[in-house]
Amino acid sequence: MTHRTRLCALALTVLLTLTPTTAACAGSGPAPGPTAAPAPSARATSPAELCTAIITKWARQLYEAHDSTYGDYQSMGLSNGQYTILRDILDVARAERGAGSEAAGRELIDRQARERCAERHQDGGPSGGPWV
């Protein structure tokens, strides 16, 4: 196991271990008064937001490293479609860097990832499964 995998497994174990204890303690103690702030509601992250986050993360990392290689899309946690978006965005960002500046390329990465992922998930996502 890699260091990252072990760390994730440890974090998940701690979270799962503490969850029953936290839930059992939730009912103890005095009831909140009228001045207590409401608890924040949970919100699921949309597939388009997840797509944007992971593509932006890898695009920035490769862009900042001036790395012309891409690596294996599966080890990055990307689907084939997301990997295509990543490659396209990096090609355009690198061209922008050559013609303009580093900052212009970074802005392009953020904008293009958001737009391409929104387009990819506008109808609910790819129809060929999660790895398309």
C-alpha atoms as a PDB file:
ATOM      1  CA  MET A   1       0.000   0.000   0.000  1.00  0.00           C
ATOM      2  CA  THR A   2       1.168   3.508  -0.740  1.00  0.00           C
ATOM      3  CA  HIS A   3       1.550   6.111   1.953  1.00  0.00           C
ATOM      4  CA  ARG A   4      -1.477   7.977   0.619  1.00  0.00           C
ATOM      5  CA  THR A   5      -3.637   4.846   0.662  1.00  0.00           C
ATOM      6  CA  ARG A   6      -2.611   4.023   4.217  1.00  0.00           C
ATOM      7  CA  LEU A   7      -3.389   7.571   5.316  1.00  0.00           C
ATOM      8  CA  CYS A   8      -6.848   7.436   3.726  1.00  0.00           C
ATOM      9  CA  ALA A   9      -7.539   4.041   5.315  1.00  0.00           C
ATOM     10  CA  LEU A  10      -6.490   5.369   8.718  1.00  0.00           C
ATOM     11  CA  ALA A  11      -8.683   8.451   8.369  1.00  0.00           C
ATOM     12  CA  LEU A  12     -11.664   6.326   7.364  1.00  0.00           C
ATOM     13  CA  THR A  13     -11.101   3.952  10.289  1.00  0.00           C
ATOM     14  CA  VAL A  14     -10.958   6.839  12.756  1.00  0.00           C
ATOM     15  CA  LEU A  15     -14.075   8.398  11.247  1.00  0.00           C
ATOM     16  CA  LEU A  16     -16.039   5.159  11.401  1.00  0.00           C
ATOM     17  CA  THR A  17     -14.845   4.455  14.931  1.00  0.00           C
ATOM     18  CA  LEU A  18     -15.950   7.854  16.208  1.00  0.00           C
ATOM     19  CA  THR A  19     -19.286   8.009  14.399  1.00  0.00           C
ATOM     20  CA  PRO A  20     -21.313   5.787  16.815  1.00  0.00           C
ATOM     21  CA  THR A  21     -19.854   7.578  19.848  1.00  0.00           C
ATOM     22  CA  THR A  22     -20.637  10.980  18.414  1.00  0.00           C
ATOM     23  CA  ALA A  23     -24.167   9.935  17.517  1.00  0.00           C
ATOM     24  CA  ALA A  24     -24.747   8.515  21.013  1.00  0.00           C
ATOM     25  CA  CYS A  25     -23.575  11.746  22.607  1.00  0.00           C
ATOM     26  CA  ALA A  26     -25.729  13.925  20.395  1.00  0.00           C
ATOM     27  CA  GLY A  27     -28.786  13.466  22.608  1.00  0.00           C
ATOM     28  CA  SER A  28     -27.030  14.139  25.904  1.00  0.00           C
ATOM     29  CA  GLY A  29     -26.742  17.550  27.498  1.00  0.00           C
ATOM     30  CA  PRO A  30     -29.167  20.433  27.606  1.00  0.00           C
ATOM     31  CA  ALA A  31     -31.350  21.210  24.644  1.00  0.00           C
ATOM     32  CA  PRO A  32     -30.146  24.180  22.618  1.00  0.00           C
ATOM     33  CA  GLY A  33     -31.786  27.426  23.531  1.00  0.00           C
ATOM     34  CA  PRO A  34     -33.426  29.907  21.195  1.00  0.00           C
ATOM     35  CA  THR A  35     -30.073  31.610  20.534  1.00  0.00           C
ATOM     36  CA  ALA A  36     -28.371  28.439  19.290  1.00  0.00           C
ATOM     37  CA  ALA A  37     -27.315  28.623  15.646  1.00  0.00           C
ATOM     38  CA  PRO A  38     -28.904  26.055  13.366  1.00  0.00           C
ATOM     39  CA  ALA A  39     -26.658  23.205  12.313  1.00  0.00           C
ATOM     40  CA  PRO A  40     -25.407  23.471   8.743  1.00  0.00           C
ATOM     41  CA  SER A  41     -27.209  21.223   6.324  1.00  0.00           C
ATOM     42  CA  ALA A  42     -25.296  18.587   4.432  1.00  0.00           C
ATOM     43  CA  ARG A  43     -24.928  19.169   0.722  1.00  0.00           C
ATOM     44  CA  ALA A  44     -23.858  16.599  -1.798  1.00  0.00           C
ATOM     45  CA  THR A  45     -21.200  17.589  -4.276  1.00  0.00           C
ATOM     46  CA  SER A  46     -22.503  17.349  -7.813  1.00  0.00           C
ATOM     47  CA  PRO A  47     -20.767  15.166 -10.398  1.00  0.00           C
ATOM     48  CA  ALA A  48     -19.864  18.301 -12.376  1.00  0.00           C
ATOM     49  CA  GLU A  49     -18.213  19.843  -9.286  1.00  0.00           C
ATOM     50  CA  LEU A  50     -16.266  16.641  -8.617  1.00  0.00           C
ATOM     51  CA  CYS A  51     -15.178  16.493 -12.255  1.00  0.00           C
ATOM     52  CA  THR A  52     -14.044  20.131 -12.105  1.00  0.00           C
ATOM     53  CA  ALA A  53     -12.133  19.609  -8.860  1.00  0.00           C
ATOM     54  CA  ILE A  54     -10.182  16.549  -9.979  1.00  0.00           C
ATOM     55  CA  ILE A  55      -9.377  17.875 -13.452  1.00  0.00           C
ATOM     56  CA  THR A  56      -8.307  21.251 -12.056  1.00  0.00           C
ATOM     57  CA  LYS A  57      -6.095  19.542  -9.465  1.00  0.00           C
ATOM     58  CA  TRP A  58      -4.223  17.437 -12.023  1.00  0.00           C
ATOM     59  CA  ALA A  59      -4.099  20.173 -14.662  1.00  0.00           C
ATOM     60  CA  ARG A  60      -2.567  22.661 -12.226  1.00  0.00           C
ATOM     61  CA  GLN A  61      -0.073  20.106 -10.952  1.00  0.00           C
ATOM     62  CA  LEU A  62       1.131  19.193 -14.449  1.00  0.00           C
ATOM     63  CA  TYR A  63       1.035  22.809 -15.646  1.00  0.00           C
ATOM     64  CA  GLU A  64       3.050  24.138 -12.702  1.00  0.00           C
ATOM     65  CA  ALA A  65       5.631  21.355 -13.033  1.00  0.00           C
ATOM     66  CA  HIS A  66       6.085  22.182 -16.733  1.00  0.00           C
ATOM     67  CA  ASP A  67       5.650  18.449 -17.201  1.00  0.00           C
ATOM     68  CA  SER A  68       4.880  17.406 -20.762  1.00  0.00           C
ATOM     69  CA  THR A  69       3.894  13.861 -19.753  1.00  0.00           C
ATOM     70  CA  TYR A  70       0.459  13.000 -18.501  1.00  0.00           C
ATOM     71  CA  GLY A  71       0.719   9.708 -16.663  1.00  0.00           C
ATOM     72  CA  ASP A  72      -1.870   6.991 -16.342  1.00  0.00           C
ATOM     73  CA  TYR A  73      -5.425   8.319 -16.141  1.00  0.00           C
ATOM     74  CA  GLN A  74      -6.555   5.494 -13.865  1.00  0.00           C
ATOM     75  CA  SER A  75      -3.838   6.214 -11.307  1.00  0.00           C
ATOM     76  CA  MET A  76      -5.070   9.816 -11.325  1.00  0.00           C
ATOM     77  CA  GLY A  77      -8.617   8.622 -10.592  1.00  0.00           C
ATOM     78  CA  LEU A  78      -9.894   9.959 -13.912  1.00  0.00           C
ATOM     79  CA  SER A  79     -12.259   8.392 -16.395  1.00  0.00           C
ATOM     80  CA  ASN A  80     -11.282   8.231 -20.048  1.00  0.00           C
ATOM     81  CA  GLY A  81     -13.548  11.207 -20.789  1.00  0.00           C
ATOM     82  CA  GLN A  82     -12.093  13.252 -17.929  1.00  0.00           C
ATOM     83  CA  TYR A  83      -8.585  12.387 -19.119  1.00  0.00           C
ATOM     84  CA  THR A  84      -9.451  13.677 -22.584  1.00  0.00           C
ATOM     85  CA  ILE A  85     -10.666  16.926 -21.034  1.00  0.00           C
ATOM     86  CA  LEU A  86      -7.444  17.178 -18.981  1.00  0.00           C
ATOM     87  CA  ARG A  87      -5.229  16.708 -22.057  1.00  0.00           C
ATOM     88  CA  ASP A  88      -7.232  19.227 -24.102  1.00  0.00           C
ATOM     89  CA  ILE A  89      -7.120  21.830 -21.327  1.00  0.00           C
ATOM     90  CA  LEU A  90      -3.389  21.392 -20.780  1.00  0.00           C
ATOM     91  CA  ASP A  91      -2.663  21.751 -24.498  1.00  0.00           C
ATOM     92  CA  VAL A  92      -4.548  25.056 -24.629  1.00  0.00           C
ATOM     93  CA  ALA A  93      -3.115  26.291 -21.300  1.00  0.00           C
ATOM     94  CA  ARG A  94       0.448  25.560 -22.417  1.00  0.00           C
ATOM     95  CA  ALA A  95      -0.144  27.422 -25.675  1.00  0.00           C
ATOM     96  CA  GLU A  96      -1.562  30.323 -23.664  1.00  0.00           C
ATOM     97  CA  ARG A  97       1.492  30.277 -21.407  1.00  0.00           C
ATOM     98  CA  GLY A  98       3.732  30.478 -24.473  1.00  0.00           C
ATOM     99  CA  ALA A  99       1.776  33.365 -25.949  1.00  0.00           C
ATOM    100  CA  GLY A 100       0.897  35.154 -22.730  1.00  0.00           C
ATOM    101  CA  SER A 101       1.788  34.343 -19.178  1.00  0.00           C
ATOM    102  CA  GLU A 102       1.706  31.660 -16.484  1.00  0.00           C
ATOM    103  CA  ALA A 103      -1.300  33.357 -14.871  1.00  0.00           C
ATOM    104  CA  ALA A 104      -3.252  33.382 -18.131  1.00  0.00           C
ATOM    105  CA  GLY A 105      -2.734  29.622 -18.447  1.00  0.00           C
ATOM    106  CA  ARG A 106      -3.889  29.022 -14.856  1.00  0.00           C
ATOM    107  CA  GLU A 107      -7.038  31.097 -15.403  1.00  0.00           C
ATOM    108  CA  LEU A 108      -7.741  29.157 -18.567  1.00  0.00           C
ATOM    109  CA  ILE A 109      -7.401  25.845 -16.688  1.00  0.00           C
ATOM    110  CA  ASP A 110      -9.955  26.928 -14.080  1.00  0.00           C
ATOM    111  CA  ARG A 111     -12.436  28.275 -16.625  1.00  0.00           C
ATOM    112  CA  GLN A 112     -12.116  25.411 -19.109  1.00  0.00           C
ATOM    113  CA  ALA A 113     -12.392  22.700 -16.436  1.00  0.00           C
ATOM    114  CA  ARG A 114     -15.562  24.288 -15.065  1.00  0.00           C
ATOM    115  CA  GLU A 115     -17.110  24.721 -18.535  1.00  0.00           C
ATOM    116  CA  ARG A 116     -16.130  21.300 -19.905  1.00  0.00           C
ATOM    117  CA  CYS A 117     -17.308  19.439 -16.795  1.00  0.00           C
ATOM    118  CA  ALA A 118     -20.613  21.349 -16.749  1.00  0.00           C
ATOM    119  CA  GLU A 119     -21.090  20.388 -20.400  1.00  0.00           C
ATOM    120  CA  ARG A 120     -20.144  16.761 -19.710  1.00  0.00           C
ATOM    121  CA  HIS A 121     -22.710  16.475 -16.894  1.00  0.00           C
ATOM    122  CA  GLN A 122     -25.496  18.701 -18.229  1.00  0.00           C
ATOM    123  CA  ASP A 123     -27.686  15.690 -18.955  1.00  0.00           C
ATOM    124  CA  GLY A 124     -26.717  13.799 -15.805  1.00  0.00           C
ATOM    125  CA  GLY A 125     -23.338  12.520 -16.921  1.00  0.00           C
ATOM    126  CA  PRO A 126     -21.891  10.088 -19.400  1.00  0.00           C
ATOM    127  CA  SER A 127     -24.232   7.270 -20.371  1.00  0.00           C
ATOM    128  CA  GLY A 128     -21.551   4.597 -20.819  1.00  0.00           C
ATOM    129  CA  GLY A 129     -20.775   4.265 -17.103  1.00  0.00           C
ATOM    130  CA  PRO A 130     -18.516   6.118 -14.673  1.00  0.00           C
ATOM    131  CA  TRP A 131     -15.242   5.340 -16.510  1.00  0.00           C
ATOM    132  CA  VAL A 132     -16.298   6.808 -19.844  1.00  0.00           C
END
